[in-house]
């Protein structure tokens, strides 16, 4: 008789603690053992848009401003800032005691180079630099922005925890090409990266940075406030699948699993010594990315016709199960429950799907059975089921789908290709983002319409509305503009939103102090 995943995990839960290797028991009080959602393919969080790279970034690097779980920003590496000349000059002052992991002092010129590298890859950063007349180091501790026009969201841009976060690096690294991944990891954050302990696909290790000085004011709150480290080491262990990770959590081989399968929550809760909770109530927004450069999705009418095939609830059920507490649909182009979200255009996702009509609409739009190459990372807990539903949806719509089952790192690289299918290109791909990545039109890179990110969506109209949003000073005006942006997105279809799910994390009761937001490793300590 086949053994089910649940049965295997129940057996693991009662395995005697004495079966653990002695080294694991000896490290218990000094090493935090963590299971990331997926392997750390790229250690450069400016180059990579993967969430795992961003989480790694917050361990190793620091940011000028930090963000609280309520999305408020405050100085982090800075002692503060001074605004002068009618809002056109910002002087940001570095606080005392900042050092790089190689022992050198953090200087303003390092930060200037870091901001420039980040801004070349990040939409919000690009907006800031477009509004900047000059960015310089006025002295070793002062970063000076001289602006062409007022940019009151400067702290929000530099302090956002969303991808890409503005991480500070030494000038010699930050001056390198932002479109090529760095392999050397030197930051000023609370942990040092132990490159010599890395095992690609299996392990990454970090050590507490002895010279890191946490802020002396405020309280720990996501990436804001004092970052106080209680463990000497943190070891990330990539498991072959989430079920294996849950079993390791139950036996005590691991302390914390970043993302836990929804279907295993009853088993975990029954164990009694494991806590589960959702760290970020804004959840994970999901999308079907469409390649605007290649047929058939270079055809606007085809993209519009496909709207009628999307059943967001089926996508979310595949990821999060049937419990409505863990999923939200329909959603639009901003994270539901956040200030810029609205109901504009959502009726297209309501009601039963009529695939016969979708087929007819696609044919009328000019689709003639061209092959669709759908990229699916099969080692991703969330994206694999999203990809399976996407393939089924496209086939129901009468499309000729090639399901490209690939490693997550390969998908990240292949999505950058602009060549046609016969030269290794692609047509569509699934992706999940944190809700914080879809907060506003400056931060949602997929919605910007500049043709710079995978999918290559371009729109002058969208750029104009975004500029209006950035200039708006009142919340009501910003919300009005975002309703217009969402209406335009439903006309132009930069991508297809496919729902939101809320992801539980799981950790043994032997640790405490895990902060809300994303997986960060300060404040965590033995219970």
Protein backbone atom coordinates (compact mmCIF):
# COMPACT_ATOMS: atom_id res chain seq x y z
CA UNK A 1 0.00 0.00 0.00
CA UNK A 2 1.48 3.45 -0.92
CA UNK A 3 2.54 5.69 1.94
CA UNK A 4 0.87 9.13 1.93
CA UNK A 5 2.73 12.33 2.69
CA UNK A 6 0.62 12.82 5.82
CA UNK A 7 1.44 9.33 7.11
CA UNK A 8 5.13 9.92 6.57
CA UNK A 9 4.98 13.18 8.50
CA UNK A 10 3.05 11.61 11.37
CA UNK A 11 5.73 8.97 11.65
CA UNK A 12 8.42 11.64 11.65
CA UNK A 13 6.62 13.50 14.42
CA UNK A 14 7.06 10.63 16.88
CA UNK A 15 10.70 9.87 15.97
CA UNK A 16 12.85 9.95 19.14
CA UNK A 17 15.00 13.03 19.67
CA UNK A 18 18.02 10.79 20.32
CA UNK A 19 18.10 9.93 16.61
CA UNK A 20 19.31 13.43 15.78
CA UNK A 21 22.99 13.87 14.96
CA UNK A 22 24.94 15.11 17.96
CA UNK A 23 26.17 18.18 16.12
CA UNK A 24 22.59 19.41 15.71
CA UNK A 25 21.91 19.13 19.43
CA UNK A 26 25.18 20.90 20.27
CA UNK A 27 24.40 23.82 17.94
CA UNK A 28 20.86 24.31 19.24
CA UNK A 29 21.48 27.39 21.35
CA UNK A 30 23.90 29.14 18.98
CA UNK A 31 22.56 28.28 15.50
CA UNK A 32 19.16 29.09 14.05
CA UNK A 33 18.22 26.47 11.44
CA UNK A 34 15.92 27.74 8.71
CA UNK A 35 14.29 26.28 5.59
CA UNK A 36 13.84 28.92 2.85
CA UNK A 37 11.02 28.58 0.34
CA UNK A 38 13.52 27.86 -2.44
CA UNK A 39 17.25 27.79 -3.05
CA UNK A 40 19.19 31.06 -3.13
CA UNK A 41 20.13 31.06 -6.81
CA UNK A 42 21.48 34.65 -6.85
CA UNK A 43 23.24 36.36 -3.92
CA UNK A 44 22.86 39.80 -5.52
CA UNK A 45 19.47 41.22 -4.41
CA UNK A 46 19.74 44.17 -6.79
CA UNK A 47 20.15 41.94 -9.85
CA UNK A 48 17.55 39.36 -8.78
CA UNK A 49 13.82 39.96 -8.26
CA UNK A 50 13.44 36.67 -6.34
CA UNK A 51 12.01 36.98 -2.83
CA UNK A 52 14.67 34.63 -1.49
CA UNK A 53 17.37 37.03 -2.75
CA UNK A 54 15.59 39.95 -1.05
CA UNK A 55 15.42 38.01 2.26
CA UNK A 56 19.12 37.17 1.95
CA UNK A 57 19.75 40.85 1.23
CA UNK A 58 18.20 41.99 4.49
CA UNK A 59 20.48 39.64 6.42
CA UNK A 60 23.71 40.84 4.83
CA UNK A 61 23.02 44.42 3.77
CA UNK A 62 21.36 47.36 5.47
CA UNK A 63 19.13 50.14 4.17
CA UNK A 64 19.11 53.88 4.77
CA UNK A 65 15.51 53.73 5.98
CA UNK A 66 13.60 50.80 7.46
CA UNK A 67 9.96 49.79 7.06
CA UNK A 68 7.60 48.69 9.83
CA UNK A 69 4.92 46.03 9.46
CA UNK A 70 2.41 48.89 9.16
CA UNK A 71 4.43 50.19 6.15
CA UNK A 72 5.80 53.27 7.91
CA UNK A 73 9.40 54.22 7.11
CA UNK A 74 11.99 55.59 9.53
CA UNK A 75 15.78 56.14 9.50
CA UNK A 76 17.80 52.92 9.75
CA UNK A 77 21.43 53.54 8.69
CA UNK A 78 20.72 57.25 9.02
CA UNK A 79 20.67 59.43 12.11
CA UNK A 80 18.14 61.55 10.22
CA UNK A 81 17.66 63.92 7.29
CA UNK A 82 17.26 67.65 6.70
CA UNK A 83 15.04 69.06 3.94
CA UNK A 84 15.79 72.56 2.64
CA UNK A 85 15.40 74.86 -0.38
CA UNK A 86 11.61 74.40 -0.56
CA UNK A 87 11.89 70.62 -0.58
CA UNK A 88 14.49 70.51 -3.37
CA UNK A 89 17.47 69.50 -1.21
CA UNK A 90 17.65 66.47 1.08
CA UNK A 91 20.71 65.88 3.25
CA UNK A 92 20.77 62.36 4.69
CA UNK A 93 23.23 61.85 7.55
CA UNK A 94 24.74 58.43 8.27
CA UNK A 95 24.74 57.44 11.93
CA UNK A 96 27.95 56.58 13.79
CA UNK A 97 29.42 53.09 14.03
CA UNK A 98 28.68 51.72 10.54
CA UNK A 99 31.22 49.27 9.12
CA UNK A 100 31.40 46.98 6.13
CA UNK A 101 32.02 43.30 6.76
CA UNK A 102 35.58 43.72 5.44
CA UNK A 103 36.31 46.21 8.26
CA UNK A 104 36.12 49.44 6.25
CA UNK A 105 33.92 52.34 7.41
CA UNK A 106 30.64 52.96 5.58
CA UNK A 107 30.98 56.26 3.73
CA UNK A 108 28.47 58.46 1.96
CA UNK A 109 30.11 57.80 -1.41
CA UNK A 110 29.43 54.06 -0.96
CA UNK A 111 25.77 54.87 -0.46
CA UNK A 112 25.65 57.19 -3.48
CA UNK A 113 27.02 54.40 -5.70
CA UNK A 114 24.57 51.92 -4.12
CA UNK A 115 21.58 54.17 -4.76
CA UNK A 116 22.59 54.61 -8.39
CA UNK A 117 23.00 50.85 -8.94
CA UNK A 118 19.65 50.11 -7.29
CA UNK A 119 17.85 52.85 -9.23
CA UNK A 120 19.00 51.34 -12.53
CA UNK A 121 17.02 48.19 -11.69
CA UNK A 122 14.09 49.48 -9.63
CA UNK A 123 11.13 51.46 -10.94
CA UNK A 124 10.63 53.55 -7.80
CA UNK A 125 14.36 54.24 -7.79
CA UNK A 126 14.20 55.26 -11.42
CA UNK A 127 11.46 57.76 -10.57
CA UNK A 128 13.61 59.20 -7.78
CA UNK A 129 16.64 59.59 -10.04
CA UNK A 130 14.52 61.16 -12.77
CA UNK A 131 13.50 63.81 -10.23
CA UNK A 132 17.11 64.27 -9.11
CA UNK A 133 19.37 66.95 -10.55
CA UNK A 134 22.43 65.82 -8.60
CA UNK A 135 23.24 63.04 -6.12
CA UNK A 136 26.55 63.38 -4.29
CA UNK A 137 28.49 62.78 -1.09
CA UNK A 138 28.75 66.21 0.53
CA UNK A 139 31.17 64.69 3.06
CA UNK A 140 31.91 61.23 4.49
CA UNK A 141 28.60 61.11 6.36
CA UNK A 142 26.24 63.20 4.21
CA UNK A 143 24.32 61.94 1.17
CA UNK A 144 22.91 64.94 -0.71
CA UNK A 145 20.01 64.92 -3.16
CA UNK A 146 19.46 68.11 -5.15
CA UNK A 147 16.11 67.69 -6.86
CA UNK A 148 14.57 69.13 -10.02
CA UNK A 149 11.16 68.91 -8.41
CA UNK A 150 9.83 67.94 -5.00
CA UNK A 151 9.82 64.22 -4.25
CA UNK A 152 8.22 63.75 -0.83
CA UNK A 153 8.23 59.95 -1.25
CA UNK A 154 12.07 59.85 -1.12
CA UNK A 155 12.17 57.97 2.24
CA UNK A 156 9.52 55.50 1.01
CA UNK A 157 11.58 54.77 -2.11
CA UNK A 158 14.84 54.26 -0.22
CA UNK A 159 13.20 52.37 2.65
CA UNK A 160 10.74 50.04 0.96
CA UNK A 161 11.02 46.38 1.92
CA UNK A 162 9.50 45.34 -1.40
CA UNK A 163 11.59 44.10 -4.32
CA UNK A 164 14.01 45.66 -5.18
CA UNK A 165 15.02 47.06 -1.81
CA UNK A 166 17.72 49.74 -1.79
CA UNK A 167 20.57 47.83 -0.16
CA UNK A 168 23.85 49.60 0.60
CA UNK A 169 27.12 48.10 -0.69
CA UNK A 170 30.77 49.22 -0.77
CA UNK A 171 31.47 51.58 -3.66
CA UNK A 172 33.78 49.10 -5.43
CA UNK A 173 30.87 46.62 -5.69
CA UNK A 174 28.07 49.12 -6.17
CA UNK A 175 29.93 50.66 -9.12
CA UNK A 176 29.68 47.43 -11.08
CA UNK A 177 27.12 46.72 -13.82
CA UNK A 178 23.64 46.38 -12.23
CA UNK A 179 22.60 44.08 -15.07
CA UNK A 180 25.25 41.51 -14.18
CA UNK A 181 24.99 39.61 -10.88
CA UNK A 182 27.60 40.24 -8.22
CA UNK A 183 29.19 37.15 -6.70
CA UNK A 184 31.09 38.83 -3.86
CA UNK A 185 28.89 39.52 -0.84
CA UNK A 186 30.03 42.37 1.43
CA UNK A 187 27.44 44.36 3.34
CA UNK A 188 27.10 46.24 6.60
CA UNK A 189 24.07 44.35 7.91
CA UNK A 190 23.73 42.27 11.07
CA UNK A 191 24.99 39.04 9.43
CA UNK A 192 28.04 38.14 7.36
CA UNK A 193 27.57 35.74 4.46
CA UNK A 194 29.81 32.66 4.74
CA UNK A 195 30.51 32.09 1.07
CA UNK A 196 32.90 29.19 1.71
CA UNK A 197 30.07 27.22 3.36
CA UNK A 198 27.68 27.60 0.44
CA UNK A 199 26.46 24.41 -1.21
CA UNK A 200 24.52 25.36 -4.33
CA UNK A 201 20.99 24.01 -4.12
CA UNK A 202 21.35 22.86 -0.51
CA UNK A 203 22.89 25.26 2.02
CA UNK A 204 23.75 28.87 2.80
CA UNK A 205 25.25 30.04 6.08
CA UNK A 206 25.55 33.35 7.92
CA UNK A 207 27.43 34.53 11.02
CA UNK A 208 26.55 37.36 13.37
CA UNK A 209 28.53 40.48 12.44
CA UNK A 210 30.27 41.40 15.67
CA UNK A 211 30.79 45.06 14.71
CA UNK A 212 27.16 45.69 13.79
CA UNK A 213 25.64 48.37 16.00
CA UNK A 214 21.83 48.28 16.15
CA UNK A 215 19.91 51.52 16.43
CA UNK A 216 19.58 52.66 20.02
CA UNK A 217 16.04 54.04 19.56
CA UNK A 218 12.68 52.55 18.67
CA UNK A 219 11.64 48.91 18.81
CA UNK A 220 12.26 46.02 16.41
CA UNK A 221 9.54 46.14 13.76
CA UNK A 222 10.23 44.27 10.49
CA UNK A 223 13.17 46.12 8.84
CA UNK A 224 12.84 49.18 11.11
CA UNK A 225 14.19 49.80 14.61
CA UNK A 226 17.02 47.98 16.41
CA UNK A 227 18.24 44.83 14.62
CA UNK A 228 19.43 42.82 17.64
CA UNK A 229 20.87 39.40 16.80
CA UNK A 230 20.62 36.58 19.35
CA UNK A 231 22.17 33.70 17.39
CA UNK A 232 25.82 33.32 16.39
CA UNK A 233 24.89 31.58 13.15
CA UNK A 234 21.93 31.11 10.84
CA UNK A 235 21.97 28.19 8.42
CA UNK A 236 19.54 27.99 5.50
CA UNK A 237 18.90 24.42 4.35
CA UNK A 238 17.06 23.93 1.07
CA UNK A 239 14.88 20.82 1.18
CA UNK A 240 13.80 18.84 -1.88
CA UNK A 241 10.14 19.54 -1.14
CA UNK A 242 8.02 21.24 1.49
CA UNK A 243 6.87 17.94 2.99
CA UNK A 244 10.46 16.96 3.74
CA UNK A 245 10.92 20.32 5.40
CA UNK A 246 7.87 19.83 7.59
CA UNK A 247 9.19 16.43 8.68
CA UNK A 248 12.55 18.01 9.62
CA UNK A 249 10.68 20.65 11.62
CA UNK A 250 8.73 17.98 13.49
CA UNK A 251 11.81 15.96 14.44
CA UNK A 252 13.66 19.07 15.61
CA UNK A 253 16.31 18.99 12.89
CA UNK A 254 15.11 22.43 11.78
CA UNK A 255 13.72 25.36 13.77
CA UNK A 256 11.76 27.37 11.22
CA UNK A 257 10.22 26.75 7.81
CA UNK A 258 9.50 29.87 5.79
CA UNK A 259 6.47 28.56 3.88
CA UNK A 260 4.38 25.60 4.92
CA UNK A 261 1.94 23.71 2.67
CA UNK A 262 -1.64 24.58 3.54
CA UNK A 263 -2.74 20.95 3.32
CA UNK A 264 -0.28 19.98 6.06
CA UNK A 265 -1.41 22.59 8.59
CA UNK A 266 -3.68 20.12 10.47
CA UNK A 267 -0.79 17.66 10.83
CA UNK A 268 1.57 20.39 12.05
CA UNK A 269 -0.91 21.79 14.55
CA UNK A 270 -1.58 18.31 15.92
CA UNK A 271 2.13 17.92 16.76
CA UNK A 272 1.72 20.46 19.58
CA UNK A 273 5.28 21.82 19.62
CA UNK A 274 5.05 23.88 16.42
CA UNK A 275 3.48 27.30 15.92
CA UNK A 276 1.99 28.48 12.61
CA UNK A 277 1.02 32.00 11.63
CA UNK A 278 0.75 34.36 8.67
CA UNK A 279 3.53 36.96 8.92
CA UNK A 280 2.11 39.32 6.29
CA UNK A 281 -1.68 39.77 6.05
CA UNK A 282 -1.20 41.46 2.66
CA UNK A 283 -0.36 38.01 1.34
CA UNK A 284 1.09 37.01 -2.02
CA UNK A 285 -0.29 38.43 -5.25
CA UNK A 286 -0.06 36.14 -8.28
CA UNK A 287 0.12 36.77 -12.00
CA UNK A 288 0.25 35.12 -15.39
CA UNK A 289 3.02 37.02 -17.13
CA UNK A 290 2.53 37.50 -20.89
CA UNK A 291 5.34 38.18 -23.38
CA UNK A 292 4.31 41.30 -25.30
CA UNK A 293 7.15 40.89 -27.82
CA UNK A 294 6.16 37.50 -29.25
CA UNK A 295 2.99 36.09 -30.88
CA UNK A 296 0.31 35.57 -29.84
CA UNK A 297 0.48 37.91 -26.82
CA UNK A 298 1.91 40.79 -28.82
CA UNK A 299 -1.69 41.03 -30.02
CA UNK A 300 -3.76 43.16 -27.63
CA UNK A 301 -7.01 41.56 -28.75
CA UNK A 302 -5.64 38.10 -27.83
CA UNK A 303 -4.61 39.33 -24.37
CA UNK A 304 -8.05 40.83 -23.80
CA UNK A 305 -9.85 37.70 -25.00
CA UNK A 306 -7.93 35.59 -22.50
CA UNK A 307 -9.39 37.55 -19.56
CA UNK A 308 -12.58 35.53 -19.90
CA UNK A 309 -10.71 32.27 -19.27
CA UNK A 310 -9.22 33.28 -15.91
CA UNK A 311 -10.83 31.70 -12.85
CA UNK A 312 -8.82 33.24 -10.02
CA UNK A 313 -10.38 31.03 -7.35
CA UNK A 314 -9.15 27.88 -9.10
CA UNK A 315 -5.60 29.23 -9.11
CA UNK A 316 -5.78 30.11 -5.42
CA UNK A 317 -7.37 26.81 -4.40
CA UNK A 318 -4.50 25.00 -6.11
CA UNK A 319 -2.03 26.88 -3.92
CA UNK A 320 -3.88 27.45 -0.65
CA UNK A 321 -6.70 24.88 -0.48
CA UNK A 322 -10.35 25.63 0.08
CA UNK A 323 -10.14 27.56 3.36
CA UNK A 324 -11.30 31.12 2.47
CA UNK A 325 -9.09 32.51 5.25
CA UNK A 326 -6.06 31.87 3.06
CA UNK A 327 -7.16 33.24 -0.30
CA UNK A 328 -8.67 36.33 -1.91
CA UNK A 329 -10.28 36.67 -5.35
CA UNK A 330 -11.02 38.50 -7.51
CA UNK A 331 -8.11 40.92 -7.35
CA UNK A 332 -6.89 43.62 -9.72
CA UNK A 333 -3.50 45.24 -10.19
CA UNK A 334 -2.96 46.46 -6.61
CA UNK A 335 -2.86 44.32 -3.48
CA UNK A 336 -6.38 44.03 -2.03
CA UNK A 337 -6.89 45.71 1.30
CA UNK A 338 -4.22 48.34 0.61
CA UNK A 339 -4.97 52.03 -0.08
CA UNK A 340 -4.58 51.96 -3.89
CA UNK A 341 -6.74 48.86 -4.51
CA UNK A 342 -10.22 49.21 -5.98
CA UNK A 343 -13.06 47.22 -7.54
CA UNK A 344 -12.55 48.77 -10.99
CA UNK A 345 -12.78 46.12 -13.72
CA UNK A 346 -13.08 43.13 -11.40
CA UNK A 347 -16.47 42.01 -12.77
CA UNK A 348 -14.63 40.35 -15.66
CA UNK A 349 -13.47 37.69 -13.20
CA UNK A 350 -16.86 37.10 -11.58
CA UNK A 351 -19.29 34.38 -12.59
CA UNK A 352 -18.73 31.08 -14.43
CA UNK A 353 -16.18 30.84 -17.25
CA UNK A 354 -17.46 30.38 -20.80
CA UNK A 355 -14.59 28.68 -22.62
CA UNK A 356 -16.54 28.31 -25.86
CA UNK A 357 -16.89 32.09 -25.96
CA UNK A 358 -13.19 32.54 -25.12
CA UNK A 359 -12.22 30.21 -27.98
CA UNK A 360 -14.41 32.20 -30.37
CA UNK A 361 -13.02 35.50 -29.10
CA UNK A 362 -9.43 34.26 -29.49
CA UNK A 363 -10.14 33.12 -33.04
CA UNK A 364 -11.73 36.48 -33.88
CA UNK A 365 -8.68 38.18 -32.39
CA UNK A 366 -6.42 36.31 -34.81
CA UNK A 367 -5.15 33.38 -32.75
CA UNK A 368 -4.53 30.45 -35.10
CA UNK A 369 -3.12 27.73 -32.90
CA UNK A 370 0.38 29.15 -32.46
CA UNK A 371 2.45 27.34 -29.85
CA UNK A 372 2.50 28.86 -26.35
CA UNK A 373 5.61 28.12 -24.27
CA UNK A 374 4.60 28.36 -20.60
CA UNK A 375 7.49 28.57 -18.11
CA UNK A 376 6.80 26.76 -14.81
CA UNK A 377 9.36 26.42 -11.96
CA UNK A 378 8.62 22.91 -10.72
CA UNK A 379 10.69 23.33 -7.54
CA UNK A 380 8.51 26.22 -6.30
CA UNK A 381 5.86 25.38 -3.70
CA UNK A 382 3.44 28.01 -5.03
CA UNK A 383 4.40 28.51 -8.65
CA UNK A 384 4.19 24.86 -9.66
CA UNK A 385 0.44 24.56 -8.89
CA UNK A 386 -0.12 28.00 -10.43
CA UNK A 387 1.59 26.73 -13.57
CA UNK A 388 -0.54 23.59 -13.68
CA UNK A 389 -3.75 25.63 -13.51
CA UNK A 390 -2.38 28.08 -16.08
CA UNK A 391 -1.63 25.25 -18.53
CA UNK A 392 -5.09 23.77 -18.02
CA UNK A 393 -6.73 27.20 -18.44
CA UNK A 394 -4.90 27.97 -21.68
CA UNK A 395 -5.75 24.55 -23.10
CA UNK A 396 -9.43 24.96 -22.18
CA UNK A 397 -9.29 28.22 -24.12
CA UNK A 398 -8.11 26.25 -27.15
CA UNK A 399 -4.46 27.27 -27.02
CA UNK A 400 -1.56 25.07 -28.08
CA UNK A 401 0.48 24.87 -24.87
CA UNK A 402 4.00 23.57 -24.33
CA UNK A 403 4.50 23.12 -20.57
CA UNK A 404 8.16 23.99 -19.91
CA UNK A 405 8.97 22.42 -16.54
CA UNK A 406 12.17 24.07 -15.31
CA UNK A 407 14.20 24.88 -12.22
CA UNK A 408 13.33 28.23 -10.63
CA UNK A 409 16.76 29.70 -11.37
CA UNK A 410 16.45 28.67 -15.04
CA UNK A 411 13.04 30.35 -15.28
CA UNK A 412 14.51 33.60 -13.87
CA UNK A 413 17.19 33.56 -16.54
CA UNK A 414 14.98 32.48 -19.45
CA UNK A 415 12.41 35.19 -18.75
CA UNK A 416 15.07 37.73 -19.67
CA UNK A 417 15.27 36.40 -23.23
CA UNK A 418 13.56 38.50 -25.89
CA UNK A 419 14.23 36.07 -28.75
CA UNK A 420 11.44 34.12 -30.52
CA UNK A 421 10.39 30.64 -29.33
CA UNK A 422 12.59 28.81 -31.82
CA UNK A 423 15.60 30.59 -30.30
CA UNK A 424 14.78 29.69 -26.71
CA UNK A 425 12.18 32.37 -26.03
CA UNK A 426 8.92 32.04 -24.14
CA UNK A 427 5.25 33.10 -24.25
CA UNK A 428 3.93 33.12 -20.68
CA UNK A 429 5.04 32.42 -17.11
CA UNK A 430 3.51 32.29 -13.65
CA UNK A 431 4.84 34.39 -10.78
CA UNK A 432 4.00 35.25 -7.20
CA UNK A 433 4.89 38.51 -5.47
CA UNK A 434 4.32 39.78 -1.98
CA UNK A 435 1.39 42.12 -1.66
CA UNK A 436 3.86 44.88 -0.72
CA UNK A 437 5.28 44.59 -4.25
CA UNK A 438 1.87 45.67 -5.63
CA UNK A 439 1.21 48.59 -3.28
CA UNK A 440 1.40 51.43 -5.79
CA UNK A 441 2.19 52.26 -9.44
CA UNK A 442 5.76 53.30 -8.64
CA UNK A 443 6.67 50.04 -6.92
CA UNK A 444 4.77 47.51 -9.06
CA UNK A 445 7.45 46.97 -11.70
CA UNK A 446 5.17 44.85 -13.90
CA UNK A 447 2.69 47.72 -14.24
CA UNK A 448 5.06 50.55 -15.09
CA UNK A 449 4.85 50.30 -18.89
CA UNK A 450 8.48 51.13 -19.60
CA UNK A 451 9.23 47.88 -21.45
CA UNK A 452 12.16 47.17 -19.11
CA UNK A 453 11.01 44.07 -17.21
CA UNK A 454 10.16 40.55 -18.36
CA UNK A 455 6.95 40.73 -20.35
CA UNK A 456 8.19 43.98 -21.90
CA UNK A 457 4.90 45.88 -21.47
CA UNK A 458 5.16 49.44 -22.87
CA UNK A 459 2.57 52.19 -22.48
CA UNK A 460 2.95 55.97 -22.64
CA UNK A 461 -0.52 56.36 -21.14
CA UNK A 462 0.49 54.29 -18.11
CA UNK A 463 3.66 56.34 -17.69
CA UNK A 464 1.65 59.55 -17.77
CA UNK A 465 -0.76 58.34 -15.09
CA UNK A 466 2.12 57.19 -12.92
CA UNK A 467 3.68 60.65 -13.15
CA UNK A 468 0.37 62.16 -12.07
CA UNK A 469 0.26 59.76 -9.11
CA UNK A 470 3.76 60.72 -8.02
CA UNK A 471 2.84 64.41 -8.15
CA UNK A 472 -0.39 63.92 -6.17
CA UNK A 473 -0.17 65.09 -2.58
CA UNK A 474 -3.53 63.89 -1.23
CA UNK A 475 -4.54 60.26 -0.66
CA UNK A 476 -7.93 60.75 -2.33
CA UNK A 477 -6.25 62.08 -5.47
CA UNK A 478 -3.77 59.19 -5.50
CA UNK A 479 -6.63 56.70 -5.19
CA UNK A 480 -8.55 58.36 -8.03
CA UNK A 481 -5.49 58.06 -10.28
CA UNK A 482 -5.02 54.40 -9.30
CA UNK A 483 -8.59 53.66 -10.32
CA UNK A 484 -7.72 55.13 -13.73
CA UNK A 485 -4.53 53.05 -13.80
CA UNK A 486 -6.45 49.86 -13.08
CA UNK A 487 -9.01 50.67 -15.77
CA UNK A 488 -6.18 51.22 -18.26
CA UNK A 489 -4.52 47.96 -17.19
CA UNK A 490 -7.73 46.07 -17.98
CA UNK A 491 -7.64 47.67 -21.43
CA UNK A 492 -3.96 47.02 -22.18
CA UNK A 493 -3.41 43.81 -20.14
CA UNK A 494 0.21 44.16 -18.99
CA UNK A 495 -0.31 40.79 -17.28
CA UNK A 496 -3.20 38.75 -15.91
CA UNK A 497 -3.78 38.93 -12.13
CA UNK A 498 -4.75 35.46 -10.90
CA UNK A 499 -5.48 35.97 -7.19
CA UNK A 500 -3.94 36.39 -3.75
CA UNK A 501 -3.11 33.80 -1.10
CA UNK A 502 -1.92 34.10 2.48
CA UNK A 503 1.05 31.95 3.38
CA UNK A 504 1.59 30.50 6.85
CA UNK A 505 5.06 30.08 8.28
CA UNK A 506 5.86 27.38 10.85
CA UNK A 507 8.41 27.30 13.65
CA UNK A 508 9.13 25.27 16.73
CA UNK A 509 8.01 26.65 20.09
CA UNK A 510 11.65 26.52 21.17
CA UNK A 511 12.19 29.85 19.36
CA UNK A 512 10.42 33.15 19.80
CA UNK A 513 10.62 36.76 18.63
CA UNK A 514 9.78 36.24 14.94
CA UNK A 515 8.64 39.61 13.57
CA UNK A 516 5.72 40.26 11.24
CA UNK A 517 6.43 41.11 7.61
CA UNK A 518 8.87 38.74 5.92
CA UNK A 519 11.42 36.29 7.30
CA UNK A 520 14.03 38.42 9.10
CA UNK A 521 16.49 36.99 11.59
CA UNK A 522 17.11 39.69 14.17
CA UNK A 523 14.99 39.63 17.35
CA UNK A 524 14.58 35.83 16.98
CA UNK A 525 15.90 34.02 20.05
CA UNK A 526 15.59 30.79 22.04
CA UNK A 527 12.30 30.69 23.95
